[in-house]
């Protein structure tokens, strides 16, 4: 699962256990909210400079793999 990956961190001490990008306090949900609102990845990264583009791309690739695996 993504929660135990190098992409996402989940800890009761960080944001009350909310899934965040590893080594940050930025919730993954925030990226999803940006994308749903029609914002770009670059807009998200500008607002949250502690998250790297590599982390965002890796997250999206993992989500893609899991979704494709569910329907394949």
N, C-alpha and C. Protein backbone atom coordinates (compact mmCIF):
# COMPACT_ATOMS: atom_id res chain seq x y z
N UNK A 1 0.83 -1.19 0.00
CA UNK A 1 0.00 0.00 0.00
C UNK A 1 0.87 1.25 0.00
N UNK A 2 0.32 2.33 -0.48
CA UNK A 2 1.06 3.58 -0.55
C UNK A 2 1.42 4.15 0.81
N UNK A 3 0.63 3.85 1.85
CA UNK A 3 0.88 4.47 3.15
C UNK A 3 2.26 4.13 3.72
N UNK A 4 2.81 3.01 3.31
CA UNK A 4 4.10 2.59 3.84
C UNK A 4 5.20 2.72 2.79
N UNK A 5 5.02 3.65 1.88
CA UNK A 5 5.98 3.82 0.81
C UNK A 5 6.89 5.00 1.10
N UNK A 6 7.82 5.22 0.19
CA UNK A 6 8.68 6.39 0.32
C UNK A 6 7.99 7.63 -0.23
N UNK A 7 6.78 7.46 -0.76
CA UNK A 7 6.04 8.57 -1.34
C UNK A 7 5.13 9.20 -0.29
N UNK A 8 4.44 8.37 0.47
CA UNK A 8 3.47 8.83 1.46
C UNK A 8 3.88 8.36 2.85
N UNK A 9 3.64 9.21 3.81
CA UNK A 9 3.91 8.87 5.20
C UNK A 9 2.63 9.03 6.00
N UNK A 10 2.41 8.09 6.91
CA UNK A 10 1.27 8.18 7.82
C UNK A 10 1.79 7.95 9.23
N UNK A 11 1.59 8.94 10.08
CA UNK A 11 2.06 8.84 11.46
C UNK A 11 1.10 9.63 12.35
N UNK A 12 0.73 9.05 13.49
CA UNK A 12 -0.16 9.79 14.38
C UNK A 12 0.44 11.11 14.86
N UNK A 13 1.76 11.23 14.83
CA UNK A 13 2.42 12.46 15.28
C UNK A 13 2.45 13.55 14.22
N UNK A 14 2.16 13.19 12.96
CA UNK A 14 2.20 14.18 11.88
C UNK A 14 0.79 14.36 11.32
N UNK A 15 0.25 15.54 11.51
CA UNK A 15 -1.08 15.88 11.00
C UNK A 15 -2.14 14.88 11.46
N UNK A 16 -1.98 14.34 12.66
CA UNK A 16 -2.97 13.44 13.23
C UNK A 16 -3.19 12.16 12.45
N UNK A 17 -2.16 11.71 11.71
CA UNK A 17 -2.28 10.47 10.95
C UNK A 17 -2.80 10.65 9.54
N UNK A 18 -2.98 11.88 9.11
CA UNK A 18 -3.40 12.15 7.74
C UNK A 18 -2.27 11.75 6.80
N UNK A 19 -2.58 11.06 5.70
CA UNK A 19 -1.51 10.73 4.73
C UNK A 19 -0.90 12.00 4.16
N UNK A 20 0.41 12.11 4.29
CA UNK A 20 1.15 13.26 3.78
C UNK A 20 2.26 12.79 2.86
N UNK A 21 2.75 13.71 2.04
CA UNK A 21 3.93 13.39 1.25
C UNK A 21 5.09 13.17 2.21
N UNK A 22 5.87 12.13 1.97
CA UNK A 22 6.97 11.76 2.85
C UNK A 22 7.89 12.96 3.09
N UNK A 23 8.33 13.09 4.32
CA UNK A 23 9.26 14.15 4.75
C UNK A 23 8.65 15.55 4.66
N UNK A 24 7.32 15.63 4.62
CA UNK A 24 6.63 16.92 4.62
C UNK A 24 5.43 16.83 5.57
N UNK A 25 4.73 17.94 5.67
CA UNK A 25 3.46 17.96 6.41
C UNK A 25 2.32 18.30 5.44
N UNK A 26 2.54 18.04 4.16
CA UNK A 26 1.57 18.38 3.12
C UNK A 26 0.67 17.17 2.85
N UNK A 27 -0.62 17.28 3.16
CA UNK A 27 -1.52 16.17 2.91
C UNK A 27 -1.65 15.84 1.42
N UNK A 28 -1.70 14.55 1.12
CA UNK A 28 -1.90 14.09 -0.25
C UNK A 28 -3.24 14.63 -0.77
N UNK A 29 -4.23 14.71 0.10
CA UNK A 29 -5.55 15.21 -0.29
C UNK A 29 -5.45 16.61 -0.89
N UNK A 30 -4.49 17.39 -0.44
CA UNK A 30 -4.33 18.75 -0.97
C UNK A 30 -4.01 18.72 -2.45
N UNK A 31 -3.15 17.80 -2.87
CA UNK A 31 -2.85 17.65 -4.30
C UNK A 31 -4.12 17.28 -5.06
N UNK A 32 -4.87 16.33 -4.54
CA UNK A 32 -6.10 15.91 -5.21
C UNK A 32 -7.09 17.06 -5.31
N UNK A 33 -7.18 17.86 -4.26
CA UNK A 33 -8.08 19.02 -4.28
C UNK A 33 -7.65 20.02 -5.36
N UNK A 34 -6.36 20.26 -5.48
CA UNK A 34 -5.84 21.15 -6.52
C UNK A 34 -6.22 20.63 -7.90
N UNK A 35 -5.98 19.34 -8.13
CA UNK A 35 -6.26 18.77 -9.44
C UNK A 35 -7.75 18.79 -9.76
N UNK A 36 -8.59 18.49 -8.78
CA UNK A 36 -10.04 18.53 -8.99
C UNK A 36 -10.52 19.94 -9.31
N UNK A 37 -9.84 20.93 -8.77
CA UNK A 37 -10.22 22.33 -9.01
C UNK A 37 -9.68 22.85 -10.34
N UNK A 38 -8.98 22.00 -11.08
CA UNK A 38 -8.45 22.41 -12.38
C UNK A 38 -7.09 23.07 -12.33
N UNK A 39 -6.47 23.04 -11.15
CA UNK A 39 -5.13 23.60 -11.02
C UNK A 39 -4.10 22.61 -11.58
N UNK A 40 -2.94 23.12 -11.92
CA UNK A 40 -1.88 22.27 -12.47
C UNK A 40 -0.97 21.74 -11.35
N UNK A 41 -0.20 20.75 -11.70
CA UNK A 41 0.81 20.24 -10.76
C UNK A 41 1.78 21.36 -10.39
N UNK A 42 2.16 22.17 -11.38
CA UNK A 42 3.08 23.27 -11.09
C UNK A 42 2.48 24.27 -10.11
N UNK A 43 1.16 24.53 -10.23
CA UNK A 43 0.50 25.42 -9.26
C UNK A 43 0.61 24.84 -7.85
N UNK A 44 0.36 23.54 -7.74
CA UNK A 44 0.47 22.86 -6.44
C UNK A 44 1.90 22.98 -5.90
N UNK A 45 2.87 22.70 -6.74
CA UNK A 45 4.28 22.75 -6.30
C UNK A 45 4.68 24.16 -5.89
N UNK A 46 4.15 25.17 -6.58
CA UNK A 46 4.45 26.55 -6.19
C UNK A 46 3.92 26.86 -4.80
N UNK A 47 2.76 26.30 -4.47
CA UNK A 47 2.17 26.54 -3.16
C UNK A 47 2.76 25.70 -2.05
N UNK A 48 3.39 24.58 -2.42
CA UNK A 48 3.93 23.65 -1.43
C UNK A 48 5.34 23.22 -1.84
N UNK A 49 6.30 24.12 -1.67
CA UNK A 49 7.66 23.87 -2.15
C UNK A 49 8.40 22.73 -1.44
N UNK A 50 7.86 22.21 -0.34
CA UNK A 50 8.52 21.08 0.31
C UNK A 50 8.24 19.77 -0.41
N UNK A 51 7.24 19.77 -1.29
CA UNK A 51 6.93 18.58 -2.09
C UNK A 51 7.67 18.72 -3.42
N UNK A 52 8.28 17.63 -3.88
CA UNK A 52 8.99 17.68 -5.15
C UNK A 52 8.12 17.16 -6.29
N UNK A 53 8.45 17.58 -7.49
CA UNK A 53 7.72 17.10 -8.66
C UNK A 53 7.86 15.58 -8.77
N UNK A 54 9.02 15.07 -8.40
CA UNK A 54 9.26 13.62 -8.44
C UNK A 54 8.30 12.89 -7.52
N UNK A 55 8.03 13.46 -6.34
CA UNK A 55 7.08 12.84 -5.42
C UNK A 55 5.67 12.81 -6.02
N UNK A 56 5.27 13.90 -6.64
CA UNK A 56 3.93 13.97 -7.23
C UNK A 56 3.80 12.96 -8.36
N UNK A 57 4.79 12.92 -9.24
CA UNK A 57 4.76 11.98 -10.37
C UNK A 57 4.77 10.55 -9.87
N UNK A 58 5.60 10.26 -8.88
CA UNK A 58 5.66 8.90 -8.32
C UNK A 58 4.32 8.50 -7.71
N UNK A 59 3.67 9.42 -7.01
CA UNK A 59 2.35 9.14 -6.44
C UNK A 59 1.35 8.83 -7.55
N UNK A 60 1.30 9.66 -8.57
CA UNK A 60 0.35 9.44 -9.65
C UNK A 60 0.63 8.12 -10.38
N UNK A 61 1.90 7.78 -10.55
CA UNK A 61 2.24 6.50 -11.19
C UNK A 61 1.79 5.32 -10.34
N UNK A 62 1.95 5.41 -9.03
CA UNK A 62 1.51 4.33 -8.14
C UNK A 62 -0.01 4.19 -8.15
N UNK A 63 -0.70 5.31 -8.13
CA UNK A 63 -2.17 5.28 -8.18
C UNK A 63 -2.61 4.66 -9.51
N UNK A 64 -1.97 5.04 -10.58
CA UNK A 64 -2.29 4.47 -11.89
C UNK A 64 -2.11 2.96 -11.89
N UNK A 65 -0.99 2.49 -11.37
CA UNK A 65 -0.72 1.05 -11.31
C UNK A 65 -1.80 0.32 -10.52
N UNK A 66 -2.15 0.88 -9.37
CA UNK A 66 -3.15 0.24 -8.53
C UNK A 66 -4.53 0.22 -9.20
N UNK A 67 -4.91 1.29 -9.86
CA UNK A 67 -6.20 1.34 -10.53
C UNK A 67 -6.25 0.36 -11.70
N UNK A 68 -5.19 0.34 -12.50
CA UNK A 68 -5.15 -0.57 -13.63
C UNK A 68 -5.16 -2.02 -13.13
N UNK A 69 -4.43 -2.27 -12.05
CA UNK A 69 -4.39 -3.62 -11.47
C UNK A 69 -5.75 -4.09 -10.96
N UNK A 70 -6.55 -3.14 -10.51
CA UNK A 70 -7.87 -3.49 -9.99
C UNK A 70 -8.82 -3.94 -11.10
N UNK A 71 -8.66 -3.39 -12.28
CA UNK A 71 -9.60 -3.69 -13.36
C UNK A 71 -9.04 -4.68 -14.37
N UNK A 72 -7.77 -4.97 -14.26
CA UNK A 72 -7.15 -5.89 -15.24
C UNK A 72 -7.43 -7.33 -14.88
